[in-house]
Amino acid sequence: MAAPKKYSDELRERATRMALDAIAAEGQRMGPTRRIADQLDIHPEALRSWVKRAEADTGRAPGRAGEDAERIAQLERENRELKRANEILKTSAAFFAQAELDRKTK
């Protein structure tokens, strides 16, 4: 079970939008991010990660977009399940093949 969110989605969006606007206006990252985090009583590292994710989502910075990361995680889960099912099928096929060889012929 995931931990409860410390900050609401509305606060995240508002803080991220404010930080992106301030970064664009001032041309630097740390000053505006830290100032906005202090104003909104948010941990500066949390705001920095939200800004980084927003920039990746919009294509302004390198990295995976949120939707891409979710899709990759889903495909990795599906891949693990399929590998597990394949291993089970291989084991059962070997078992039945051996049982067929061990069976007495009339």
PDB file of N, CA and C in Angstrom:
ATOM      1  N   MET A   1       0.835  -1.177   0.000  1.00  0.00           N
ATOM      2  CA  MET A   1       0.000   0.000   0.000  1.00  0.00           C
ATOM      3  C   MET A   1       0.884   1.246   0.000  1.00  0.00           C
ATOM      4  N   ALA A   2       0.546   2.186  -0.848  1.00  0.00           N
ATOM      5  CA  ALA A   2       1.336   3.402  -0.970  1.00  0.00           C
ATOM      6  C   ALA A   2       1.101   4.317   0.227  1.00  0.00           C
ATOM      7  N   ALA A   3       2.116   5.087   0.533  1.00  0.00           N
ATOM      8  CA  ALA A   3       2.005   6.038   1.635  1.00  0.00           C
ATOM      9  C   ALA A   3       1.058   7.169   1.237  1.00  0.00           C
ATOM     10  N   PRO A   4       0.359   7.750   2.201  1.00  0.00           N
ATOM     11  CA  PRO A   4      -0.534   8.860   1.867  1.00  0.00           C
ATOM     12  C   PRO A   4       0.270  10.068   1.391  1.00  0.00           C
ATOM     13  N   LYS A   5      -0.328  10.837   0.513  1.00  0.00           N
ATOM     14  CA  LYS A   5       0.349  12.002  -0.035  1.00  0.00           C
ATOM     15  C   LYS A   5       0.413  13.105   1.015  1.00  0.00           C
ATOM     16  N   LYS A   6       1.578  13.704   1.124  1.00  0.00           N
ATOM     17  CA  LYS A   6       1.768  14.771   2.089  1.00  0.00           C
ATOM     18  C   LYS A   6       1.197  16.084   1.568  1.00  0.00           C
ATOM     19  N   TYR A   7       1.283  16.271   0.260  1.00  0.00           N
ATOM     20  CA  TYR A   7       0.815  17.505  -0.364  1.00  0.00           C
ATOM     21  C   TYR A   7      -0.319  17.173  -1.330  1.00  0.00           C
ATOM     22  N   SER A   8      -1.324  18.045  -1.386  1.00  0.00           N
ATOM     23  CA  SER A   8      -2.456  17.811  -2.278  1.00  0.00           C
ATOM     24  C   SER A   8      -2.031  18.016  -3.732  1.00  0.00           C
ATOM     25  N   ASP A   9      -2.797  17.435  -4.637  1.00  0.00           N
ATOM     26  CA  ASP A   9      -2.506  17.580  -6.066  1.00  0.00           C
ATOM     27  C   ASP A   9      -2.615  19.033  -6.499  1.00  0.00           C
ATOM     28  N   GLU A  10      -3.588  19.746  -5.938  1.00  0.00           N
ATOM     29  CA  GLU A  10      -3.768  21.162  -6.275  1.00  0.00           C
ATOM     30  C   GLU A  10      -2.537  21.974  -5.870  1.00  0.00           C
ATOM     31  N   LEU A  11      -2.011  21.704  -4.677  1.00  0.00           N
ATOM     32  CA  LEU A  11      -0.821  22.410  -4.210  1.00  0.00           C
ATOM     33  C   LEU A  11       0.380  22.081  -5.084  1.00  0.00           C
ATOM     34  N   ARG A  12       0.504  20.833  -5.468  1.00  0.00           N
ATOM     35  CA  ARG A  12       1.615  20.433  -6.346  1.00  0.00           C
ATOM     36  C   ARG A  12       1.559  21.183  -7.672  1.00  0.00           C
ATOM     37  N   GLU A  13       0.382  21.204  -8.277  1.00  0.00           N
ATOM     38  CA  GLU A  13       0.239  21.865  -9.570  1.00  0.00           C
ATOM     39  C   GLU A  13       0.515  23.360  -9.456  1.00  0.00           C
ATOM     40  N   ARG A  14      -0.020  23.985  -8.419  1.00  0.00           N
ATOM     41  CA  ARG A  14       0.158  25.419  -8.221  1.00  0.00           C
ATOM     42  C   ARG A  14       1.633  25.759  -7.985  1.00  0.00           C
ATOM     43  N   ALA A  15       2.270  25.000  -7.105  1.00  0.00           N
ATOM     44  CA  ALA A  15       3.675  25.254  -6.790  1.00  0.00           C
ATOM     45  C   ALA A  15       4.556  25.021  -8.013  1.00  0.00           C
ATOM     46  N   THR A  16       4.274  23.984  -8.751  1.00  0.00           N
ATOM     47  CA  THR A  16       5.061  23.681  -9.947  1.00  0.00           C
ATOM     48  C   THR A  16       4.908  24.781 -10.986  1.00  0.00           C
ATOM     49  N   ARG A  17       3.682  25.226 -11.187  1.00  0.00           N
ATOM     50  CA  ARG A  17       3.428  26.287 -12.159  1.00  0.00           C
ATOM     51  C   ARG A  17       4.138  27.582 -11.739  1.00  0.00           C
ATOM     52  N   MET A  18       4.052  27.914 -10.443  1.00  0.00           N
ATOM     53  CA  MET A  18       4.732  29.117  -9.944  1.00  0.00           C
ATOM     54  C   MET A  18       6.244  29.009 -10.129  1.00  0.00           C
ATOM     55  N   ALA A  19       6.806  27.845  -9.823  1.00  0.00           N
ATOM     56  CA  ALA A  19       8.252  27.656  -9.939  1.00  0.00           C
ATOM     57  C   ALA A  19       8.698  27.728 -11.394  1.00  0.00           C
ATOM     58  N   LEU A  20       7.949  27.101 -12.290  1.00  0.00           N
ATOM     59  CA  LEU A  20       8.311  27.149 -13.714  1.00  0.00           C
ATOM     60  C   LEU A  20       8.266  28.578 -14.243  1.00  0.00           C
ATOM     61  N   ASP A  21       7.248  29.342 -13.832  1.00  0.00           N
ATOM     62  CA  ASP A  21       7.147  30.736 -14.258  1.00  0.00           C
ATOM     63  C   ASP A  21       8.312  31.556 -13.716  1.00  0.00           C
ATOM     64  N   ALA A  22       8.657  31.347 -12.445  1.00  0.00           N
ATOM     65  CA  ALA A  22       9.755  32.097 -11.831  1.00  0.00           C
ATOM     66  C   ALA A  22      11.098  31.723 -12.451  1.00  0.00           C
ATOM     67  N   ILE A  23      11.284  30.451 -12.747  1.00  0.00           N
ATOM     68  CA  ILE A  23      12.534  30.004 -13.389  1.00  0.00           C
ATOM     69  C   ILE A  23      12.662  30.638 -14.765  1.00  0.00           C
ATOM     70  N   ALA A  24      11.559  30.691 -15.507  1.00  0.00           N
ATOM     71  CA  ALA A  24      11.589  31.295 -16.847  1.00  0.00           C
ATOM     72  C   ALA A  24      11.875  32.791 -16.751  1.00  0.00           C
ATOM     73  N   ALA A  25      11.319  33.452 -15.739  1.00  0.00           N
ATOM     74  CA  ALA A  25      11.503  34.895 -15.604  1.00  0.00           C
ATOM     75  C   ALA A  25      12.915  35.245 -15.135  1.00  0.00           C
ATOM     76  N   GLU A  26      13.433  34.480 -14.179  1.00  0.00           N
ATOM     77  CA  GLU A  26      14.734  34.814 -13.587  1.00  0.00           C
ATOM     78  C   GLU A  26      15.909  34.138 -14.272  1.00  0.00           C
ATOM     79  N   GLY A  27      15.675  33.053 -14.968  1.00  0.00           N
ATOM     80  CA  GLY A  27      16.746  32.382 -15.681  1.00  0.00           C
ATOM     81  C   GLY A  27      17.625  31.498 -14.816  1.00  0.00           C
ATOM     82  N   GLN A  28      17.275  31.297 -13.591  1.00  0.00           N
ATOM     83  CA  GLN A  28      18.027  30.383 -12.729  1.00  0.00           C
ATOM     84  C   GLN A  28      17.043  29.486 -11.995  1.00  0.00           C
ATOM     85  N   ARG A  29      17.556  28.425 -11.384  1.00  0.00           N
ATOM     86  CA  ARG A  29      16.688  27.416 -10.802  1.00  0.00           C
ATOM     87  C   ARG A  29      16.577  27.484  -9.275  1.00  0.00           C
ATOM     88  N   MET A  30      17.704  27.462  -8.605  1.00  0.00           N
ATOM     89  CA  MET A  30      17.698  27.257  -7.156  1.00  0.00           C
ATOM     90  C   MET A  30      17.031  28.394  -6.385  1.00  0.00           C
ATOM     91  N   GLY A  31      17.309  29.612  -6.742  1.00  0.00           N
ATOM     92  CA  GLY A  31      16.738  30.744  -6.017  1.00  0.00           C
ATOM     93  C   GLY A  31      15.220  30.745  -6.028  1.00  0.00           C
ATOM     94  N   PRO A  32      14.611  30.750  -7.207  1.00  0.00           N
ATOM     95  CA  PRO A  32      13.146  30.769  -7.269  1.00  0.00           C
ATOM     96  C   PRO A  32      12.511  29.525  -6.646  1.00  0.00           C
ATOM     97  N   THR A  33      13.120  28.386  -6.874  1.00  0.00           N
ATOM     98  CA  THR A  33      12.558  27.145  -6.333  1.00  0.00           C
ATOM     99  C   THR A  33      12.564  27.172  -4.814  1.00  0.00           C
ATOM    100  N   ARG A  34      13.670  27.563  -4.238  1.00  0.00           N
ATOM    101  CA  ARG A  34      13.780  27.609  -2.779  1.00  0.00           C
ATOM    102  C   ARG A  34      12.831  28.661  -2.193  1.00  0.00           C
ATOM    103  N   ARG A  35      12.739  29.829  -2.833  1.00  0.00           N
ATOM    104  CA  ARG A  35      11.866  30.899  -2.340  1.00  0.00           C
ATOM    105  C   ARG A  35      10.405  30.464  -2.364  1.00  0.00           C
ATOM    106  N   ILE A  36       9.978  29.866  -3.460  1.00  0.00           N
ATOM    107  CA  ILE A  36       8.581  29.432  -3.580  1.00  0.00           C
ATOM    108  C   ILE A  36       8.285  28.307  -2.597  1.00  0.00           C
ATOM    109  N   ALA A  37       9.235  27.396  -2.427  1.00  0.00           N
ATOM    110  CA  ALA A  37       9.053  26.307  -1.463  1.00  0.00           C
ATOM    111  C   ALA A  37       8.880  26.870  -0.056  1.00  0.00           C
ATOM    112  N   ASP A  38       9.661  27.880   0.297  1.00  0.00           N
ATOM    113  CA  ASP A  38       9.525  28.502   1.620  1.00  0.00           C
ATOM    114  C   ASP A  38       8.182  29.211   1.767  1.00  0.00           C
ATOM    115  N   GLN A  39       7.745  29.901   0.710  1.00  0.00           N
ATOM    116  CA  GLN A  39       6.471  30.620   0.757  1.00  0.00           C
ATOM    117  C   GLN A  39       5.292  29.679   0.947  1.00  0.00           C
ATOM    118  N   LEU A  40       5.338  28.532   0.300  1.00  0.00           N
ATOM    119  CA  LEU A  40       4.218  27.588   0.349  1.00  0.00           C
ATOM    120  C   LEU A  40       4.397  26.509   1.412  1.00  0.00           C
ATOM    121  N   ASP A  41       5.480  26.593   2.180  1.00  0.00           N
ATOM    122  CA  ASP A  41       5.781  25.631   3.242  1.00  0.00           C
ATOM    123  C   ASP A  41       5.891  24.203   2.684  1.00  0.00           C
ATOM    124  N   ILE A  42       6.685  24.098   1.624  1.00  0.00           N
ATOM    125  CA  ILE A  42       6.954  22.823   0.969  1.00  0.00           C
ATOM    126  C   ILE A  42       8.445  22.558   1.080  1.00  0.00           C
ATOM    127  N   HIS A  43       8.815  21.312   1.183  1.00  0.00           N
ATOM    128  CA  HIS A  43      10.238  20.981   1.208  1.00  0.00           C
ATOM    129  C   HIS A  43      10.833  21.323  -0.161  1.00  0.00           C
ATOM    130  N   PRO A  44      11.960  22.047  -0.199  1.00  0.00           N
ATOM    131  CA  PRO A  44      12.534  22.455  -1.493  1.00  0.00           C
ATOM    132  C   PRO A  44      12.866  21.288  -2.423  1.00  0.00           C
ATOM    133  N   GLU A  45      13.289  20.180  -1.862  1.00  0.00           N
ATOM    134  CA  GLU A  45      13.622  19.024  -2.701  1.00  0.00           C
ATOM    135  C   GLU A  45      12.373  18.443  -3.355  1.00  0.00           C
ATOM    136  N   ALA A  46      11.244  18.479  -2.647  1.00  0.00           N
ATOM    137  CA  ALA A  46       9.985  17.997  -3.228  1.00  0.00           C
ATOM    138  C   ALA A  46       9.600  18.868  -4.424  1.00  0.00           C
ATOM    139  N   LEU A  47       9.683  20.183  -4.226  1.00  0.00           N
ATOM    140  CA  LEU A  47       9.343  21.093  -5.320  1.00  0.00           C
ATOM    141  C   LEU A  47      10.307  20.914  -6.493  1.00  0.00           C
ATOM    142  N   ARG A  48      11.591  20.734  -6.210  1.00  0.00           N
ATOM    143  CA  ARG A  48      12.565  20.532  -7.275  1.00  0.00           C
ATOM    144  C   ARG A  48      12.217  19.295  -8.100  1.00  0.00           C
ATOM    145  N   SER A  49      11.809  18.211  -7.428  1.00  0.00           N
ATOM    146  CA  SER A  49      11.471  16.988  -8.163  1.00  0.00           C
ATOM    147  C   SER A  49      10.192  17.166  -8.980  1.00  0.00           C
ATOM    148  N   TRP A  50       9.224  17.935  -8.452  1.00  0.00           N
ATOM    149  CA  TRP A  50       8.001  18.198  -9.220  1.00  0.00           C
ATOM    150  C   TRP A  50       8.321  19.012 -10.467  1.00  0.00           C
ATOM    151  N   VAL A  51       9.197  20.002 -10.320  1.00  0.00           N
ATOM    152  CA  VAL A  51       9.580  20.840 -11.453  1.00  0.00           C
ATOM    153  C   VAL A  51      10.315  19.994 -12.493  1.00  0.00           C
ATOM    154  N   LYS A  52      11.208  19.155 -12.020  1.00  0.00           N
ATOM    155  CA  LYS A  52      11.975  18.291 -12.934  1.00  0.00           C
ATOM    156  C   LYS A  52      11.036  17.374 -13.723  1.00  0.00           C
ATOM    157  N   ARG A  53      10.047  16.787 -13.028  1.00  0.00           N
ATOM    158  CA  ARG A  53       9.090  15.904 -13.701  1.00  0.00           C
ATOM    159  C   ARG A  53       8.238  16.688 -14.699  1.00  0.00           C
ATOM    160  N   ALA A  54       7.812  17.890 -14.321  1.00  0.00           N
ATOM    161  CA  ALA A  54       6.998  18.711 -15.221  1.00  0.00           C
ATOM    162  C   ALA A  54       7.795  19.083 -16.470  1.00  0.00           C
ATOM    163  N   GLU A  55       9.056  19.404 -16.294  1.00  0.00           N
ATOM    164  CA  GLU A  55       9.890  19.737 -17.453  1.00  0.00           C
ATOM    165  C   GLU A  55      10.082  18.529 -18.358  1.00  0.00           C
ATOM    166  N   ALA A  56      10.228  17.350 -17.776  1.00  0.00           N
ATOM    167  CA  ALA A  56      10.370  16.136 -18.587  1.00  0.00           C
ATOM    168  C   ALA A  56       9.073  15.835 -19.323  1.00  0.00           C
ATOM    169  N   ASP A  57       7.943  16.065 -18.656  1.00  0.00           N
ATOM    170  CA  ASP A  57       6.645  15.811 -19.289  1.00  0.00           C
ATOM    171  C   ASP A  57       6.400  16.729 -20.484  1.00  0.00           C
ATOM    172  N   THR A  58       6.859  17.975 -20.367  1.00  0.00           N
ATOM    173  CA  THR A  58       6.639  18.929 -21.458  1.00  0.00           C
ATOM    174  C   THR A  58       7.736  18.879 -22.512  1.00  0.00           C
ATOM    175  N   GLY A  59       8.803  18.139 -22.241  1.00  0.00           N
ATOM    176  CA  GLY A  59       9.877  18.002 -23.214  1.00  0.00           C
ATOM    177  C   GLY A  59      10.952  19.058 -23.089  1.00  0.00           C
ATOM    178  N   ARG A  60      10.893  19.891 -22.062  1.00  0.00           N
ATOM    179  CA  ARG A  60      11.908  20.934 -21.876  1.00  0.00           C
ATOM    180  C   ARG A  60      13.213  20.387 -21.319  1.00  0.00           C
ATOM    181  N   ALA A  61      13.150  19.225 -20.669  1.00  0.00           N
ATOM    182  CA  ALA A  61      14.347  18.634 -20.065  1.00  0.00           C
ATOM    183  C   ALA A  61      14.374  17.153 -20.424  1.00  0.00           C
ATOM    184  N   PRO A  62      15.568  16.562 -20.440  1.00  0.00           N
ATOM    185  CA  PRO A  62      15.638  15.130 -20.735  1.00  0.00           C
ATOM    186  C   PRO A  62      15.027  14.314 -19.598  1.00  0.00           C
ATOM    187  N   GLY A  63      14.527  13.158 -19.955  1.00  0.00           N
ATOM    188  CA  GLY A  63      13.926  12.272 -18.963  1.00  0.00           C
ATOM    189  C   GLY A  63      12.655  11.672 -19.508  1.00  0.00           C
ATOM    190  N   ARG A  64      12.120  10.749 -18.765  1.00  0.00           N
ATOM    191  CA  ARG A  64      10.890  10.084 -19.186  1.00  0.00           C
ATOM    192  C   ARG A  64       9.679  10.887 -18.738  1.00  0.00           C
ATOM    193  N   ALA A  65       8.716  10.980 -19.614  1.00  0.00           N
ATOM    194  CA  ALA A  65       7.455  11.601 -19.241  1.00  0.00           C
ATOM    195  C   ALA A  65       6.713  10.664 -18.298  1.00  0.00           C
ATOM    196  N   GLY A  66       5.837  11.222 -17.495  1.00  0.00           N
ATOM    197  CA  GLY A  66       5.106  10.437 -16.501  1.00  0.00           C
ATOM    198  C   GLY A  66       4.336   9.285 -17.120  1.00  0.00           C
ATOM    199  N   GLU A  67       3.651   9.542 -18.241  1.00  0.00           N
ATOM    200  CA  GLU A  67       2.882   8.492 -18.908  1.00  0.00           C
ATOM    201  C   GLU A  67       3.794   7.390 -19.424  1.00  0.00           C
ATOM    202  N   ASP A  68       4.950   7.778 -19.942  1.00  0.00           N
ATOM    203  CA  ASP A  68       5.893   6.787 -20.447  1.00  0.00           C
ATOM    204  C   ASP A  68       6.398   5.897 -19.321  1.00  0.00           C
ATOM    205  N   ALA A  69       6.709   6.499 -18.193  1.00  0.00           N
ATOM    206  CA  ALA A  69       7.209   5.733 -17.056  1.00  0.00           C
ATOM    207  C   ALA A  69       6.164   4.746 -16.560  1.00  0.00           C
ATOM    208  N   GLU A  70       4.899   5.179 -16.511  1.00  0.00           N
ATOM    209  CA  GLU A  70       3.822   4.276 -16.087  1.00  0.00           C
ATOM    210  C   GLU A  70       3.670   3.112 -17.065  1.00  0.00           C
ATOM    211  N   ARG A  71       3.716   3.411 -18.347  1.00  0.00           N
ATOM    212  CA  ARG A  71       3.575   2.371 -19.380  1.00  0.00           C
ATOM    213  C   ARG A  71       4.734   1.385 -19.317  1.00  0.00           C
ATOM    214  N   ILE A  72       5.944   1.883 -19.108  1.00  0.00           N
ATOM    215  CA  ILE A  72       7.106   1.006 -18.997  1.00  0.00           C
ATOM    216  C   ILE A  72       6.982   0.101 -17.780  1.00  0.00           C
ATOM    217  N   ALA A  73       6.529   0.656 -16.659  1.00  0.00           N
ATOM    218  CA  ALA A  73       6.349  -0.154 -15.449  1.00  0.00           C
ATOM    219  C   ALA A  73       5.303  -1.238 -15.680  1.00  0.00           C
ATOM    220  N   GLN A  74       4.222  -0.903 -16.366  1.00  0.00           N
ATOM    221  CA  GLN A  74       3.176  -1.876 -16.668  1.00  0.00           C
ATOM    222  C   GLN A  74       3.728  -2.987 -17.565  1.00  0.00           C
ATOM    223  N   LEU A  75       4.486  -2.622 -18.584  1.00  0.00           N
ATOM    224  CA  LEU A  75       5.050  -3.620 -19.487  1.00  0.00           C
ATOM    225  C   LEU A  75       6.075  -4.510 -18.777  1.00  0.00           C
ATOM    226  N   GLU A  76       6.840  -3.940 -17.855  1.00  0.00           N
ATOM    227  CA  GLU A  76       7.801  -4.745 -17.094  1.00  0.00           C
ATOM    228  C   GLU A  76       7.081  -5.756 -16.203  1.00  0.00           C
ATOM    229  N   ARG A  77       5.974  -5.341 -15.572  1.00  0.00           N
ATOM    230  CA  ARG A  77       5.181  -6.283 -14.759  1.00  0.00           C
ATOM    231  C   ARG A  77       4.640  -7.414 -15.625  1.00  0.00           C
ATOM    232  N   GLU A  78       4.088  -7.049 -16.785  1.00  0.00           N
ATOM    233  CA  GLU A  78       3.541  -8.041 -17.692  1.00  0.00           C
ATOM    234  C   GLU A  78       4.632  -8.991 -18.180  1.00  0.00           C
ATOM    235  N   ASN A  79       5.810  -8.463 -18.448  1.00  0.00           N
ATOM    236  CA  ASN A  79       6.936  -9.274 -18.894  1.00  0.00           C
ATOM    237  C   ASN A  79       7.334 -10.288 -17.818  1.00  0.00           C
ATOM    238  N   ARG A  80       7.393  -9.843 -16.554  1.00  0.00           N
ATOM    239  CA  ARG A  80       7.720 -10.758 -15.452  1.00  0.00           C
ATOM    240  C   ARG A  80       6.695 -11.880 -15.337  1.00  0.00           C
ATOM    241  N   GLU A  81       5.405 -11.520 -15.457  1.00  0.00           N
ATOM    242  CA  GLU A  81       4.354 -12.535 -15.382  1.00  0.00           C
ATOM    243  C   GLU A  81       4.473 -13.553 -16.510  1.00  0.00           C
ATOM    244  N   LEU A  82       4.749 -13.065 -17.707  1.00  0.00           N
ATOM    245  CA  LEU A  82       4.865 -13.963 -18.850  1.00  0.00           C
ATOM    246  C   LEU A  82       6.081 -14.879 -18.729  1.00  0.00           C
ATOM    247  N   LYS A  83       7.198 -14.339 -18.228  1.00  0.00           N
ATOM    248  CA  LYS A  83       8.376 -15.178 -18.016  1.00  0.00           C
ATOM    249  C   LYS A  83       8.089 -16.258 -16.982  1.00  0.00           C
ATOM    250  N   ARG A  84       7.380 -15.894 -15.926  1.00  0.00           N
ATOM    251  CA  ARG A  84       7.024 -16.868 -14.878  1.00  0.00           C
ATOM    252  C   ARG A  84       6.116 -17.954 -15.453  1.00  0.00           C
ATOM    253  N   ALA A  85       5.106 -17.557 -16.226  1.00  0.00           N
ATOM    254  CA  ALA A  85       4.201 -18.526 -16.835  1.00  0.00           C
ATOM    255  C   ALA A  85       4.957 -19.430 -17.808  1.00  0.00           C
ATOM    256  N   ASN A  86       5.880 -18.872 -18.555  1.00  0.00           N
ATOM    257  CA  ASN A  86       6.674 -19.649 -19.505  1.00  0.00           C
ATOM    258  C   ASN A  86       7.531 -20.681 -18.770  1.00  0.00           C
ATOM    259  N   GLU A  87       8.119 -20.288 -17.654  1.00  0.00           N
ATOM    260  CA  GLU A  87       8.932 -21.213 -16.857  1.00  0.00           C
ATOM    261  C   GLU A  87       8.078 -22.360 -16.311  1.00  0.00           C
ATOM    262  N   ILE A  88       6.873 -22.036 -15.859  1.00  0.00           N
ATOM    263  CA  ILE A  88       5.961 -23.071 -15.363  1.00  0.00           C
ATOM    264  C   ILE A  88       5.611 -24.045 -16.483  1.00  0.00           C
ATOM    265  N   LEU A  89       5.331 -23.524 -17.665  1.00  0.00           N
ATOM    266  CA  LEU A  89       4.992 -24.390 -18.805  1.00  0.00           C
ATOM    267  C   LEU A  89       6.162 -25.278 -19.203  1.00  0.00           C
ATOM    268  N   LYS A  90       7.374 -24.736 -19.184  1.00  0.00           N
ATOM    269  CA  LYS A  90       8.545 -25.549 -19.511  1.00  0.00           C
ATOM    270  C   LYS A  90       8.718 -26.677 -18.502  1.00  0.00           C
ATOM    271  N   THR A  91       8.569 -26.363 -17.234  1.00  0.00           N
ATOM    272  CA  THR A  91       8.723 -27.372 -16.177  1.00  0.00           C
ATOM    273  C   THR A  91       7.660 -28.451 -16.296  1.00  0.00           C
ATOM    274  N   SER A  92       6.423 -28.060 -16.536  1.00  0.00           N
ATOM    275  CA  SER A  92       5.346 -29.052 -16.640  1.00  0.00           C
ATOM    276  C   SER A  92       5.513 -29.904 -17.903  1.00  0.00           C
ATOM    277  N   ALA A  93       5.960 -29.310 -19.002  1.00  0.00           N
ATOM    278  CA  ALA A  93       6.185 -30.082 -20.223  1.00  0.00           C
ATOM    279  C   ALA A  93       7.279 -31.113 -20.009  1.00  0.00           C
ATOM    280  N   ALA A  94       8.339 -30.720 -19.313  1.00  0.00           N
ATOM    281  CA  ALA A  94       9.415 -31.666 -19.021  1.00  0.00           C
ATOM    282  C   ALA A  94       8.918 -32.786 -18.117  1.00  0.00           C
ATOM    283  N   PHE A  95       8.073 -32.449 -17.136  1.00  0.00           N
ATOM    284  CA  PHE A  95       7.529 -33.454 -16.224  1.00  0.00           C
ATOM    285  C   PHE A  95       6.685 -34.471 -16.984  1.00  0.00           C
ATOM    286  N   PHE A  96       5.777 -34.001 -17.841  1.00  0.00           N
ATOM    287  CA  PHE A  96       4.915 -34.919 -18.568  1.00  0.00           C
ATOM    288  C   PHE A  96       5.686 -35.713 -19.618  1.00  0.00           C
ATOM    289  N   ALA A  97       6.694 -35.128 -20.215  1.00  0.00           N
ATOM    290  CA  ALA A  97       7.518 -35.860 -21.167  1.00  0.00           C
ATOM    291  C   ALA A  97       8.244 -36.999 -20.464  1.00  0.00           C
ATOM    292  N   GLN A  98       8.771 -36.726 -19.285  1.00  0.00           N
ATOM    293  CA  GLN A  98       9.447 -37.762 -18.506  1.00  0.00           C
ATOM    294  C   GLN A  98       8.462 -38.845 -18.075  1.00  0.00           C
ATOM    295  N   ALA A  99       7.251 -38.449 -17.706  1.00  0.00           N
ATOM    296  CA  ALA A  99       6.231 -39.431 -17.292  1.00  0.00           C
ATOM    297  C   ALA A  99       5.859 -40.306 -18.477  1.00  0.00           C
ATOM    298  N   GLU A 100       5.811 -39.758 -19.660  1.00  0.00           N
ATOM    299  CA  GLU A 100       5.499 -40.549 -20.850  1.00  0.00           C
ATOM    300  C   GLU A 100       6.614 -41.558 -21.144  1.00  0.00           C
ATOM    301  N   LEU A 101       7.853 -41.188 -20.950  1.00  0.00           N
ATOM    302  CA  LEU A 101       8.975 -42.092 -21.179  1.00  0.00           C
ATOM    303  C   LEU A 101       9.000 -43.207 -20.140  1.00  0.00           C
ATOM    304  N   ASP A 102       8.620 -42.887 -18.914  1.00  0.00           N
ATOM    305  CA  ASP A 102       8.656 -43.875 -17.831  1.00  0.00           C
ATOM    306  C   ASP A 102       7.466 -44.851 -17.882  1.00  0.00           C
ATOM    307  N   ARG A 103       6.431 -44.542 -18.660  1.00  0.00           N
ATOM    308  CA  ARG A 103       5.250 -45.381 -18.706  1.00  0.00           C
ATOM    309  C   ARG A 103       5.574 -46.693 -19.382  1.00  0.00           C
ATOM    310  N   LYS A 104       5.043 -47.758 -18.838  1.00  0.00           N
ATOM    311  CA  LYS A 104       5.287 -49.085 -19.390  1.00  0.00           C
ATOM    312  C   LYS A 104       4.473 -49.257 -20.664  1.00  0.00           C
ATOM    313  N   THR A 105       5.067 -49.878 -21.659  1.00  0.00           N
ATOM    314  CA  THR A 105       4.364 -50.181 -22.900  1.00  0.00           C
ATOM    315  C   THR A 105       3.808 -51.596 -22.839  1.00  0.00           C
ATOM    316  N   LYS A 106       2.713 -51.867 -23.452  1.00  0.00           N
ATOM    317  CA  LYS A 106       2.079 -53.189 -23.431  1.00  0.00           C
ATOM    318  C   LYS A 106       2.520 -54.042 -24.561  1.00  0.00           C
TER     319      LYS A 106
END
